[in-house]
């Protein structure tokens, strides 16, 4: 073996007996009762994308079935839709907000 290969082999052998490096957390800790972000819609609204987002949000709510009538399920659905809408462009957020407002009105 050449000297470079011997050095690499020696380094690998030395690392085998060293203590492993501490692992870092990849996900932030989950906070109980985390406040919902504020849904602010700014910018131009594309009507087609808004309607598609509204249809997606309605499908999301319909997938919950009759359990949506229960207050905890409805509250969680509103929170999930709000967190989703905050991360989306204004057109998508506007369509999802229409469904969120309907859910809030059903309380």
PDB file of N, CA and C in Angstrom:
ATOM      1  N   UNK A   1       0.834  -1.185   0.000  1.00  0.00           N
ATOM      2  CA  UNK A   1       0.000   0.000   0.000  1.00  0.00           C
ATOM      3  C   UNK A   1       0.872   1.239   0.000  1.00  0.00           C
ATOM      4  N   UNK A   2       0.304   2.275  -0.608  1.00  0.00           N
ATOM      5  CA  UNK A   2       1.064   3.518  -0.613  1.00  0.00           C
ATOM      6  C   UNK A   2       0.839   4.269   0.701  1.00  0.00           C
ATOM      7  N   UNK A   3       1.569   5.333   0.900  1.00  0.00           N
ATOM      8  CA  UNK A   3       1.536   6.040   2.181  1.00  0.00           C
ATOM      9  C   UNK A   3       0.179   6.722   2.427  1.00  0.00           C
ATOM     10  N   UNK A   4      -0.472   7.185   1.385  1.00  0.00           N
ATOM     11  CA  UNK A   4      -1.779   7.828   1.550  1.00  0.00           C
ATOM     12  C   UNK A   4      -2.825   6.822   2.019  1.00  0.00           C
ATOM     13  N   UNK A   5      -2.821   5.630   1.451  1.00  0.00           N
ATOM     14  CA  UNK A   5      -3.760   4.593   1.850  1.00  0.00           C
ATOM     15  C   UNK A   5      -3.496   4.144   3.285  1.00  0.00           C
ATOM     16  N   UNK A   6      -2.226   4.029   3.667  1.00  0.00           N
ATOM     17  CA  UNK A   6      -1.892   3.645   5.040  1.00  0.00           C
ATOM     18  C   UNK A   6      -2.345   4.702   6.048  1.00  0.00           C
ATOM     19  N   UNK A   7      -2.176   5.976   5.674  1.00  0.00           N
ATOM     20  CA  UNK A   7      -2.604   7.066   6.558  1.00  0.00           C
ATOM     21  C   UNK A   7      -4.120   7.051   6.712  1.00  0.00           C
ATOM     22  N   UNK A   8      -4.865   6.858   5.635  1.00  0.00           N
ATOM     23  CA  UNK A   8      -6.326   6.814   5.701  1.00  0.00           C
ATOM     24  C   UNK A   8      -6.790   5.631   6.544  1.00  0.00           C
ATOM     25  N   UNK A   9      -6.130   4.503   6.402  1.00  0.00           N
ATOM     26  CA  UNK A   9      -6.478   3.317   7.182  1.00  0.00           C
ATOM     27  C   UNK A   9      -6.202   3.551   8.667  1.00  0.00           C
ATOM     28  N   UNK A  10      -5.098   4.191   8.973  1.00  0.00           N
ATOM     29  CA  UNK A  10      -4.762   4.483  10.368  1.00  0.00           C
ATOM     30  C   UNK A  10      -5.760   5.465  10.978  1.00  0.00           C
ATOM     31  N   UNK A  11      -6.152   6.486  10.204  1.00  0.00           N
ATOM     32  CA  UNK A  11      -7.143   7.457  10.696  1.00  0.00           C
ATOM     33  C   UNK A  11      -8.488   6.784  10.955  1.00  0.00           C
ATOM     34  N   UNK A  12      -8.917   5.929  10.067  1.00  0.00           N
ATOM     35  CA  UNK A  12     -10.182   5.224  10.241  1.00  0.00           C
ATOM     36  C   UNK A  12     -10.131   4.320  11.463  1.00  0.00           C
ATOM     37  N   UNK A  13      -9.001   3.661  11.685  1.00  0.00           N
ATOM     38  CA  UNK A  13      -8.852   2.779  12.834  1.00  0.00           C
ATOM     39  C   UNK A  13      -8.877   3.589  14.130  1.00  0.00           C
ATOM     40  N   UNK A  14      -8.239   4.767  14.126  1.00  0.00           N
ATOM     41  CA  UNK A  14      -8.242   5.631  15.308  1.00  0.00           C
ATOM     42  C   UNK A  14      -9.647   6.128  15.626  1.00  0.00           C
ATOM     43  N   UNK A  15     -10.427   6.498  14.607  1.00  0.00           N
ATOM     44  CA  UNK A  15     -11.790   6.993  14.805  1.00  0.00           C
ATOM     45  C   UNK A  15     -12.711   5.915  15.360  1.00  0.00           C
ATOM     46  N   UNK A  16     -12.374   4.664  15.105  1.00  0.00           N
ATOM     47  CA  UNK A  16     -13.223   3.573  15.567  1.00  0.00           C
ATOM     48  C   UNK A  16     -13.287   3.532  17.092  1.00  0.00           C
ATOM     49  N   UNK A  17     -12.221   3.931  17.761  1.00  0.00           N
ATOM     50  CA  UNK A  17     -12.152   3.849  19.214  1.00  0.00           C
ATOM     51  C   UNK A  17     -12.420   5.182  19.906  1.00  0.00           C
ATOM     52  N   UNK A  18     -12.766   6.207  19.157  1.00  0.00           N
ATOM     53  CA  UNK A  18     -13.088   7.497  19.753  1.00  0.00           C
ATOM     54  C   UNK A  18     -14.568   7.528  20.133  1.00  0.00           C
ATOM     55  N   UNK A  19     -14.895   8.354  21.094  1.00  0.00           N
ATOM     56  CA  UNK A  19     -16.293   8.512  21.506  1.00  0.00           C
ATOM     57  C   UNK A  19     -17.064   9.213  20.379  1.00  0.00           C
ATOM     58  N   UNK A  20     -18.293   8.787  20.126  1.00  0.00           N
ATOM     59  CA  UNK A  20     -19.063   9.434  19.057  1.00  0.00           C
ATOM     60  C   UNK A  20     -19.414  10.872  19.423  1.00  0.00           C
ATOM     61  N   UNK A  21     -19.514  11.688  18.408  1.00  0.00           N
ATOM     62  CA  UNK A  21     -19.870  13.086  18.608  1.00  0.00           C
ATOM     63  C   UNK A  21     -21.332  13.171  19.058  1.00  0.00           C
ATOM     64  N   UNK A  22     -21.650  14.120  19.941  1.00  0.00           N
ATOM     65  CA  UNK A  22     -23.045  14.233  20.388  1.00  0.00           C
ATOM     66  C   UNK A  22     -23.956  14.626  19.221  1.00  0.00           C
ATOM     67  N   UNK A  23     -25.128  14.017  19.193  1.00  0.00           N
ATOM     68  CA  UNK A  23     -26.067  14.288  18.104  1.00  0.00           C
ATOM     69  C   UNK A  23     -26.826  15.578  18.391  1.00  0.00           C
ATOM     70  N   UNK A  24     -27.063  16.337  17.347  1.00  0.00           N
ATOM     71  CA  UNK A  24     -27.827  17.568  17.496  1.00  0.00           C
ATOM     72  C   UNK A  24     -29.290  17.293  17.191  1.00  0.00           C
ATOM     73  N   UNK A  25     -30.150  18.072  17.785  1.00  0.00           N
ATOM     74  CA  UNK A  25     -31.575  17.923  17.534  1.00  0.00           C
ATOM     75  C   UNK A  25     -31.909  18.553  16.180  1.00  0.00           C
ATOM     76  N   UNK A  26     -32.658  17.829  15.381  1.00  0.00           N
ATOM     77  CA  UNK A  26     -33.038  18.335  14.070  1.00  0.00           C
ATOM     78  C   UNK A  26     -34.372  19.077  14.117  1.00  0.00           C
ATOM     79  N   UNK A  27     -35.241  18.689  15.052  1.00  0.00           N
ATOM     80  CA  UNK A  27     -36.562  19.300  15.136  1.00  0.00           C
ATOM     81  C   UNK A  27     -36.658  20.149  16.391  1.00  0.00           C
ATOM     82  N   UNK A  28     -37.311  21.299  16.300  1.00  0.00           N
ATOM     83  CA  UNK A  28     -37.490  22.105  17.506  1.00  0.00           C
ATOM     84  C   UNK A  28     -38.486  21.414  18.432  1.00  0.00           C
ATOM     85  N   UNK A  29     -38.379  21.657  19.715  1.00  0.00           N
ATOM     86  CA  UNK A  29     -39.320  21.024  20.641  1.00  0.00           C
ATOM     87  C   UNK A  29     -40.748  21.521  20.389  1.00  0.00           C
ATOM     88  N   UNK A  30     -41.706  20.646  20.660  1.00  0.00           N
ATOM     89  CA  UNK A  30     -43.108  20.998  20.460  1.00  0.00           C
ATOM     90  C   UNK A  30     -43.615  21.698  21.708  1.00  0.00           C
ATOM     91  N   UNK A  31     -44.212  22.848  21.514  1.00  0.00           N
ATOM     92  CA  UNK A  31     -44.731  23.631  22.618  1.00  0.00           C
ATOM     93  C   UNK A  31     -46.218  23.320  22.760  1.00  0.00           C
ATOM     94  N   UNK A  32     -46.650  23.010  23.965  1.00  0.00           N
ATOM     95  CA  UNK A  32     -48.065  22.740  24.197  1.00  0.00           C
ATOM     96  C   UNK A  32     -48.848  24.040  24.060  1.00  0.00           C
ATOM     97  N   UNK A  33     -49.994  23.954  23.432  1.00  0.00           N
ATOM     98  CA  UNK A  33     -50.875  25.109  23.205  1.00  0.00           C
ATOM     99  C   UNK A  33     -50.142  26.251  22.514  1.00  0.00           C
ATOM    100  N   UNK A  34     -49.408  25.910  21.505  1.00  0.00           N
ATOM    101  CA  UNK A  34     -48.662  26.909  20.732  1.00  0.00           C
ATOM    102  C   UNK A  34     -49.655  27.862  20.075  1.00  0.00           C
ATOM    103  N   UNK A  35     -49.443  29.173  20.183  1.00  0.00           N
ATOM    104  CA  UNK A  35     -50.392  30.111  19.585  1.00  0.00           C
ATOM    105  C   UNK A  35     -50.366  30.014  18.058  1.00  0.00           C
ATOM    106  N   UNK A  36     -51.533  30.184  17.471  1.00  0.00           N
ATOM    107  CA  UNK A  36     -51.624  30.133  16.010  1.00  0.00           C
ATOM    108  C   UNK A  36     -51.034  31.396  15.405  1.00  0.00           C
ATOM    109  N   UNK A  37     -50.339  31.254  14.295  1.00  0.00           N
ATOM    110  CA  UNK A  37     -49.823  32.449  13.635  1.00  0.00           C
ATOM    111  C   UNK A  37     -50.967  33.269  13.048  1.00  0.00           C
ATOM    112  N   UNK A  38     -50.734  34.545  12.897  1.00  0.00           N
ATOM    113  CA  UNK A  38     -51.749  35.440  12.327  1.00  0.00           C
ATOM    114  C   UNK A  38     -51.765  35.255  10.814  1.00  0.00           C
ATOM    115  N   UNK A  39     -52.945  35.077  10.260  1.00  0.00           N
ATOM    116  CA  UNK A  39     -53.101  34.885   8.819  1.00  0.00           C
ATOM    117  C   UNK A  39     -53.369  36.236   8.175  1.00  0.00           C
ATOM    118  N   UNK A  40     -52.333  36.793   7.554  1.00  0.00           N
ATOM    119  CA  UNK A  40     -52.430  38.095   6.898  1.00  0.00           C
ATOM    120  C   UNK A  40     -52.247  37.874   5.404  1.00  0.00           C
ATOM    121  N   UNK A  41     -53.209  38.336   4.631  1.00  0.00           N
ATOM    122  CA  UNK A  41     -53.163  38.146   3.179  1.00  0.00           C
ATOM    123  C   UNK A  41     -52.816  39.480   2.532  1.00  0.00           C
ATOM    124  N   UNK A  42     -51.675  39.505   1.869  1.00  0.00           N
ATOM    125  CA  UNK A  42     -51.241  40.709   1.158  1.00  0.00           C
ATOM    126  C   UNK A  42     -50.852  40.307  -0.256  1.00  0.00           C
ATOM    127  N   UNK A  43     -50.915  41.239  -1.140  1.00  0.00           N
ATOM    128  CA  UNK A  43     -50.500  40.966  -2.506  1.00  0.00           C
ATOM    129  C   UNK A  43     -51.674  40.647  -3.412  1.00  0.00           C
ATOM    130  N   UNK A  44     -51.399  40.505  -4.688  1.00  0.00           N
ATOM    131  CA  UNK A  44     -52.469  40.218  -5.650  1.00  0.00           C
ATOM    132  C   UNK A  44     -53.022  38.811  -5.475  1.00  0.00           C
ATOM    133  N   UNK A  45     -54.308  38.650  -5.778  1.00  0.00           N
ATOM    134  CA  UNK A  45     -54.982  37.365  -5.646  1.00  0.00           C
ATOM    135  C   UNK A  45     -55.308  36.834  -7.041  1.00  0.00           C
ATOM    136  N   UNK A  46     -54.820  35.644  -7.342  1.00  0.00           N
ATOM    137  CA  UNK A  46     -55.154  34.956  -8.578  1.00  0.00           C
ATOM    138  C   UNK A  46     -56.412  34.143  -8.295  1.00  0.00           C
ATOM    139  N   UNK A  47     -57.502  34.467  -8.954  1.00  0.00           N
ATOM    140  CA  UNK A  47     -58.807  33.872  -8.662  1.00  0.00           C
ATOM    141  C   UNK A  47     -58.814  32.354  -8.897  1.00  0.00           C
ATOM    142  N   UNK A  48     -58.139  31.880  -9.928  1.00  0.00           N
ATOM    143  CA  UNK A  48     -58.121  30.449 -10.225  1.00  0.00           C
ATOM    144  C   UNK A  48     -57.411  29.689  -9.102  1.00  0.00           C
ATOM    145  N   UNK A  49     -56.277  30.191  -8.668  1.00  0.00           N
ATOM    146  CA  UNK A  49     -55.541  29.535  -7.595  1.00  0.00           C
ATOM    147  C   UNK A  49     -56.325  29.617  -6.295  1.00  0.00           C
ATOM    148  N   UNK A  50     -57.003  30.731  -6.070  1.00  0.00           N
ATOM    149  CA  UNK A  50     -57.827  30.879  -4.871  1.00  0.00           C
ATOM    150  C   UNK A  50     -58.935  29.818  -4.843  1.00  0.00           C
ATOM    151  N   UNK A  51     -59.587  29.599  -5.976  1.00  0.00           N
ATOM    152  CA  UNK A  51     -60.652  28.594  -6.041  1.00  0.00           C
ATOM    153  C   UNK A  51     -60.107  27.178  -5.871  1.00  0.00           C
ATOM    154  N   UNK A  52     -58.925  26.905  -6.422  1.00  0.00           N
ATOM    155  CA  UNK A  52     -58.303  25.591  -6.241  1.00  0.00           C
ATOM    156  C   UNK A  52     -57.952  25.353  -4.770  1.00  0.00           C
ATOM    157  N   UNK A  53     -57.439  26.372  -4.113  1.00  0.00           N
ATOM    158  CA  UNK A  53     -57.098  26.246  -2.690  1.00  0.00           C
ATOM    159  C   UNK A  53     -58.357  26.049  -1.851  1.00  0.00           C
ATOM    160  N   UNK A  54     -59.418  26.748  -2.221  1.00  0.00           N
ATOM    161  CA  UNK A  54     -60.690  26.591  -1.506  1.00  0.00           C
ATOM    162  C   UNK A  54     -61.201  25.161  -1.679  1.00  0.00           C
ATOM    163  N   UNK A  55     -61.109  24.640  -2.884  1.00  0.00           N
ATOM    164  CA  UNK A  55     -61.564  23.279  -3.148  1.00  0.00           C
ATOM    165  C   UNK A  55     -60.722  22.273  -2.362  1.00  0.00           C
ATOM    166  N   UNK A  56     -59.405  22.512  -2.289  1.00  0.00           N
ATOM    167  CA  UNK A  56     -58.539  21.629  -1.518  1.00  0.00           C
ATOM    168  C   UNK A  56     -58.925  21.652  -0.042  1.00  0.00           C
ATOM    169  N   UNK A  57     -59.184  22.847   0.498  1.00  0.00           N
ATOM    170  CA  UNK A  57     -59.536  22.973   1.909  1.00  0.00           C
ATOM    171  C   UNK A  57     -60.886  22.314   2.197  1.00  0.00           C
ATOM    172  N   UNK A  58     -61.836  22.436   1.277  1.00  0.00           N
ATOM    173  CA  UNK A  58     -63.136  21.779   1.444  1.00  0.00           C
ATOM    174  C   UNK A  58     -62.950  20.263   1.432  1.00  0.00           C
ATOM    175  N   UNK A  59     -62.116  19.752   0.549  1.00  0.00           N
ATOM    176  CA  UNK A  59     -61.832  18.316   0.520  1.00  0.00           C
ATOM    177  C   UNK A  59     -61.190  17.860   1.830  1.00  0.00           C
ATOM    178  N   UNK A  60     -60.315  18.688   2.376  1.00  0.00           N
ATOM    179  CA  UNK A  60     -59.671  18.380   3.650  1.00  0.00           C
ATOM    180  C   UNK A  60     -60.712  18.253   4.754  1.00  0.00           C
ATOM    181  N   UNK A  61     -61.643  19.183   4.798  1.00  0.00           N
ATOM    182  CA  UNK A  61     -62.684  19.171   5.832  1.00  0.00           C
ATOM    183  C   UNK A  61     -63.638  18.001   5.605  1.00  0.00           C
ATOM    184  N   UNK A  62     -64.009  17.747   4.356  1.00  0.00           N
ATOM    185  CA  UNK A  62     -64.915  16.638   4.080  1.00  0.00           C
ATOM    186  C   UNK A  62     -64.287  15.290   4.424  1.00  0.00           C
ATOM    187  N   UNK A  63     -62.981  15.192   4.321  1.00  0.00           N
ATOM    188  CA  UNK A  63     -62.297  13.944   4.657  1.00  0.00           C
ATOM    189  C   UNK A  63     -62.401  13.633   6.150  1.00  0.00           C
ATOM    190  N   UNK A  64     -62.663  14.642   6.955  1.00  0.00           N
ATOM    191  CA  UNK A  64     -62.832  14.415   8.384  1.00  0.00           C
ATOM    192  C   UNK A  64     -64.182  13.787   8.705  1.00  0.00           C
ATOM    193  N   UNK A  65     -65.100  13.868   7.756  1.00  0.00           N
ATOM    194  CA  UNK A  65     -66.401  13.220   7.921  1.00  0.00           C
ATOM    195  C   UNK A  65     -67.235  13.880   9.002  1.00  0.00           C
ATOM    196  N   UNK A  66     -68.134  13.101   9.606  1.00  0.00           N
ATOM    197  CA  UNK A  66     -69.037  13.658  10.616  1.00  0.00           C
ATOM    198  C   UNK A  66     -68.330  14.115  11.896  1.00  0.00           C
ATOM    199  N   UNK A  67     -67.089  13.707  12.081  1.00  0.00           N
ATOM    200  CA  UNK A  67     -66.382  14.113  13.297  1.00  0.00           C
ATOM    201  C   UNK A  67     -66.117  15.619  13.324  1.00  0.00           C
ATOM    202  N   UNK A  68     -66.255  16.296  12.190  1.00  0.00           N
ATOM    203  CA  UNK A  68     -66.030  17.741  12.143  1.00  0.00           C
ATOM    204  C   UNK A  68     -67.049  18.490  12.995  1.00  0.00           C
ATOM    205  N   UNK A  69     -68.151  17.836  13.337  1.00  0.00           N
ATOM    206  CA  UNK A  69     -69.173  18.475  14.182  1.00  0.00           C
ATOM    207  C   UNK A  69     -68.703  18.610  15.629  1.00  0.00           C
ATOM    208  N   UNK A  70     -67.721  17.806  16.030  1.00  0.00           N
ATOM    209  CA  UNK A  70     -67.209  17.886  17.391  1.00  0.00           C
ATOM    210  C   UNK A  70     -66.242  19.055  17.503  1.00  0.00           C
ATOM    211  N   UNK A  71     -66.349  19.799  18.595  1.00  0.00           N
ATOM    212  CA  UNK A  71     -65.553  21.016  18.784  1.00  0.00           C
ATOM    213  C   UNK A  71     -64.039  20.771  18.741  1.00  0.00           C
ATOM    214  N   UNK A  72     -63.494  19.742  19.402  1.00  0.00           N
ATOM    215  CA  UNK A  72     -62.029  19.562  19.341  1.00  0.00           C
ATOM    216  C   UNK A  72     -61.522  19.266  17.926  1.00  0.00           C
ATOM    217  N   UNK A  73     -62.288  18.510  17.170  1.00  0.00           N
ATOM    218  CA  UNK A  73     -61.874  18.188  15.796  1.00  0.00           C
ATOM    219  C   UNK A  73     -61.926  19.442  14.936  1.00  0.00           C
ATOM    220  N   UNK A  74     -62.991  20.230  15.103  1.00  0.00           N
ATOM    221  CA  UNK A  74     -63.129  21.465  14.324  1.00  0.00           C
ATOM    222  C   UNK A  74     -62.006  22.445  14.675  1.00  0.00           C
ATOM    223  N   UNK A  75     -61.666  22.551  15.969  1.00  0.00           N
ATOM    224  CA  UNK A  75     -60.597  23.451  16.393  1.00  0.00           C
ATOM    225  C   UNK A  75     -59.254  23.019  15.819  1.00  0.00           C
ATOM    226  N   UNK A  76     -58.986  21.723  15.815  1.00  0.00           N
ATOM    227  CA  UNK A  76     -57.727  21.223  15.249  1.00  0.00           C
ATOM    228  C   UNK A  76     -57.677  21.441  13.739  1.00  0.00           C
ATOM    229  N   UNK A  77     -58.813  21.249  13.066  1.00  0.00           N
ATOM    230  CA  UNK A  77     -58.850  21.478  11.620  1.00  0.00           C
ATOM    231  C   UNK A  77     -58.573  22.945  11.309  1.00  0.00           C
ATOM    232  N   UNK A  78     -59.162  23.842  12.092  1.00  0.00           N
ATOM    233  CA  UNK A  78     -58.917  25.278  11.886  1.00  0.00           C
ATOM    234  C   UNK A  78     -57.437  25.594  12.107  1.00  0.00           C
ATOM    235  N   UNK A  79     -56.851  25.019  13.149  1.00  0.00           N
ATOM    236  CA  UNK A  79     -55.432  25.265  13.436  1.00  0.00           C
ATOM    237  C   UNK A  79     -54.548  24.720  12.320  1.00  0.00           C
ATOM    238  N   UNK A  80     -54.845  23.516  11.844  1.00  0.00           N
ATOM    239  CA  UNK A  80     -54.048  22.923  10.758  1.00  0.00           C
ATOM    240  C   UNK A  80     -54.152  23.741   9.479  1.00  0.00           C
ATOM    241  N   UNK A  81     -55.371  24.146   9.139  1.00  0.00           N
ATOM    242  CA  UNK A  81     -55.560  24.952   7.929  1.00  0.00           C
ATOM    243  C   UNK A  81     -54.874  26.310   8.059  1.00  0.00           C
ATOM    244  N   UNK A  82     -54.914  26.889   9.248  1.00  0.00           N
ATOM    245  CA  UNK A  82     -54.263  28.188   9.454  1.00  0.00           C
ATOM    246  C   UNK A  82     -52.754  28.066   9.303  1.00  0.00           C
ATOM    247  N   UNK A  83     -52.170  27.034   9.922  1.00  0.00           N
ATOM    248  CA  UNK A  83     -50.717  26.846   9.792  1.00  0.00           C
ATOM    249  C   UNK A  83     -50.313  26.604   8.335  1.00  0.00           C
ATOM    250  N   UNK A  84     -51.154  25.889   7.599  1.00  0.00           N
ATOM    251  CA  UNK A  84     -50.876  25.648   6.187  1.00  0.00           C
ATOM    252  C   UNK A  84     -50.950  26.952   5.397  1.00  0.00           C
ATOM    253  N   UNK A  85     -52.021  27.721   5.633  1.00  0.00           N
ATOM    254  CA  UNK A  85     -52.248  28.938   4.850  1.00  0.00           C
ATOM    255  C   UNK A  85     -51.167  29.986   5.085  1.00  0.00           C
ATOM    256  N   UNK A  86     -50.630  30.056   6.288  1.00  0.00           N
ATOM    257  CA  UNK A  86     -49.600  31.051   6.599  1.00  0.00           C
ATOM    258  C   UNK A  86     -48.353  30.835   5.746  1.00  0.00           C
ATOM    259  N   UNK A  87     -48.074  29.592   5.383  1.00  0.00           N
ATOM    260  CA  UNK A  87     -46.858  29.276   4.628  1.00  0.00           C
ATOM    261  C   UNK A  87     -47.052  29.366   3.122  1.00  0.00           C
ATOM    262  N   UNK A  88     -48.261  29.675   2.663  1.00  0.00           N
ATOM    263  CA  UNK A  88     -48.567  29.669   1.242  1.00  0.00           C
ATOM    264  C   UNK A  88     -48.625  31.087   0.675  1.00  0.00           C
ATOM    265  N   UNK A  89     -48.594  31.209  -0.658  1.00  0.00           N
ATOM    266  CA  UNK A  89     -48.767  32.522  -1.288  1.00  0.00           C
ATOM    267  C   UNK A  89     -50.158  33.090  -0.997  1.00  0.00           C
ATOM    268  N   UNK A  90     -50.343  34.359  -1.277  1.00  0.00           N
ATOM    269  CA  UNK A  90     -51.579  35.063  -0.925  1.00  0.00           C
ATOM    270  C   UNK A  90     -52.811  34.435  -1.565  1.00  0.00           C
ATOM    271  N   UNK A  91     -52.722  33.983  -2.799  1.00  0.00           N
ATOM    272  CA  UNK A  91     -53.884  33.407  -3.475  1.00  0.00           C
ATOM    273  C   UNK A  91     -54.345  32.126  -2.788  1.00  0.00           C
ATOM    274  N   UNK A  92     -53.417  31.284  -2.420  1.00  0.00           N
ATOM    275  CA  UNK A  92     -53.752  30.031  -1.739  1.00  0.00           C
ATOM    276  C   UNK A  92     -54.288  30.336  -0.348  1.00  0.00           C
ATOM    277  N   UNK A  93     -53.636  31.244   0.357  1.00  0.00           N
ATOM    278  CA  UNK A  93     -54.066  31.598   1.707  1.00  0.00           C
ATOM    279  C   UNK A  93     -55.479  32.178   1.697  1.00  0.00           C
ATOM    280  N   UNK A  94     -55.804  32.947   0.668  1.00  0.00           N
ATOM    281  CA  UNK A  94     -57.138  33.526   0.571  1.00  0.00           C
ATOM    282  C   UNK A  94     -58.199  32.447   0.397  1.00  0.00           C
ATOM    283  N   UNK A  95     -57.934  31.457  -0.432  1.00  0.00           N
ATOM    284  CA  UNK A  95     -58.886  30.369  -0.635  1.00  0.00           C
ATOM    285  C   UNK A  95     -59.081  29.530   0.612  1.00  0.00           C
ATOM    286  N   UNK A  96     -58.002  29.261   1.328  1.00  0.00           N
ATOM    287  CA  UNK A  96     -58.093  28.465   2.555  1.00  0.00           C
ATOM    288  C   UNK A  96     -58.793  29.275   3.649  1.00  0.00           C
ATOM    289  N   UNK A  97     -58.570  30.589   3.656  1.00  0.00           N
ATOM    290  CA  UNK A  97     -59.201  31.441   4.674  1.00  0.00           C
ATOM    291  C   UNK A  97     -60.722  31.433   4.542  1.00  0.00           C
ATOM    292  N   UNK A  98     -61.235  31.304   3.348  1.00  0.00           N
ATOM    293  CA  UNK A  98     -62.684  31.236   3.153  1.00  0.00           C
ATOM    294  C   UNK A  98     -63.253  30.036   3.916  1.00  0.00           C
ATOM    295  N   UNK A  99     -62.586  28.901   3.816  1.00  0.00           N
ATOM    296  CA  UNK A  99     -63.048  27.692   4.517  1.00  0.00           C
ATOM    297  C   UNK A  99     -62.833  27.839   6.011  1.00  0.00           C
ATOM    298  N   UNK A 100     -61.740  28.446   6.439  1.00  0.00           N
ATOM    299  CA  UNK A 100     -61.500  28.660   7.860  1.00  0.00           C
ATOM    300  C   UNK A 100     -62.610  29.527   8.451  1.00  0.00           C
ATOM    301  N   UNK A 101     -62.998  30.589   7.736  1.00  0.00           N
ATOM    302  CA  UNK A 101     -64.074  31.463   8.218  1.00  0.00           C
ATOM    303  C   UNK A 101     -65.402  30.715   8.309  1.00  0.00           C
ATOM    304  N   UNK A 102     -65.654  29.810   7.351  1.00  0.00           N
ATOM    305  CA  UNK A 102     -66.886  29.020   7.416  1.00  0.00           C
ATOM    306  C   UNK A 102     -66.862  28.095   8.635  1.00  0.00           C
ATOM    307  N   UNK A 103     -65.727  27.495   8.921  1.00  0.00           N
ATOM    308  CA  UNK A 103     -65.618  26.624  10.094  1.00  0.00           C
ATOM    309  C   UNK A 103     -65.789  27.392  11.389  1.00  0.00           C
ATOM    310  N   UNK A 104     -65.223  28.588  11.444  1.00  0.00           N
ATOM    311  CA  UNK A 104     -65.377  29.418  12.643  1.00  0.00           C
ATOM    312  C   UNK A 104     -66.831  29.842  12.835  1.00  0.00           C
ATOM    313  N   UNK A 105     -67.529  30.080  11.737  1.00  0.00           N
ATOM    314  CA  UNK A 105     -68.938  30.455  11.798  1.00  0.00           C
ATOM    315  C   UNK A 105     -69.834  29.314  12.217  1.00  0.00           C
ATOM    316  N   UNK A 106     -69.363  28.074  12.057  1.00  0.00           N
ATOM    317  CA  UNK A 106     -70.180  26.896  12.393  1.00  0.00           C
ATOM    318  C   UNK A 106     -70.120  26.594  13.895  1.00  0.00           C
ATOM    319  N   UNK A 107     -69.293  27.304  14.631  1.00  0.00           N
ATOM    320  CA  UNK A 107     -69.144  27.017  16.063  1.00  0.00           C
ATOM    321  C   UNK A 107     -70.384  27.307  16.845  1.00  0.00           C
TER     322      UNK A 107
END
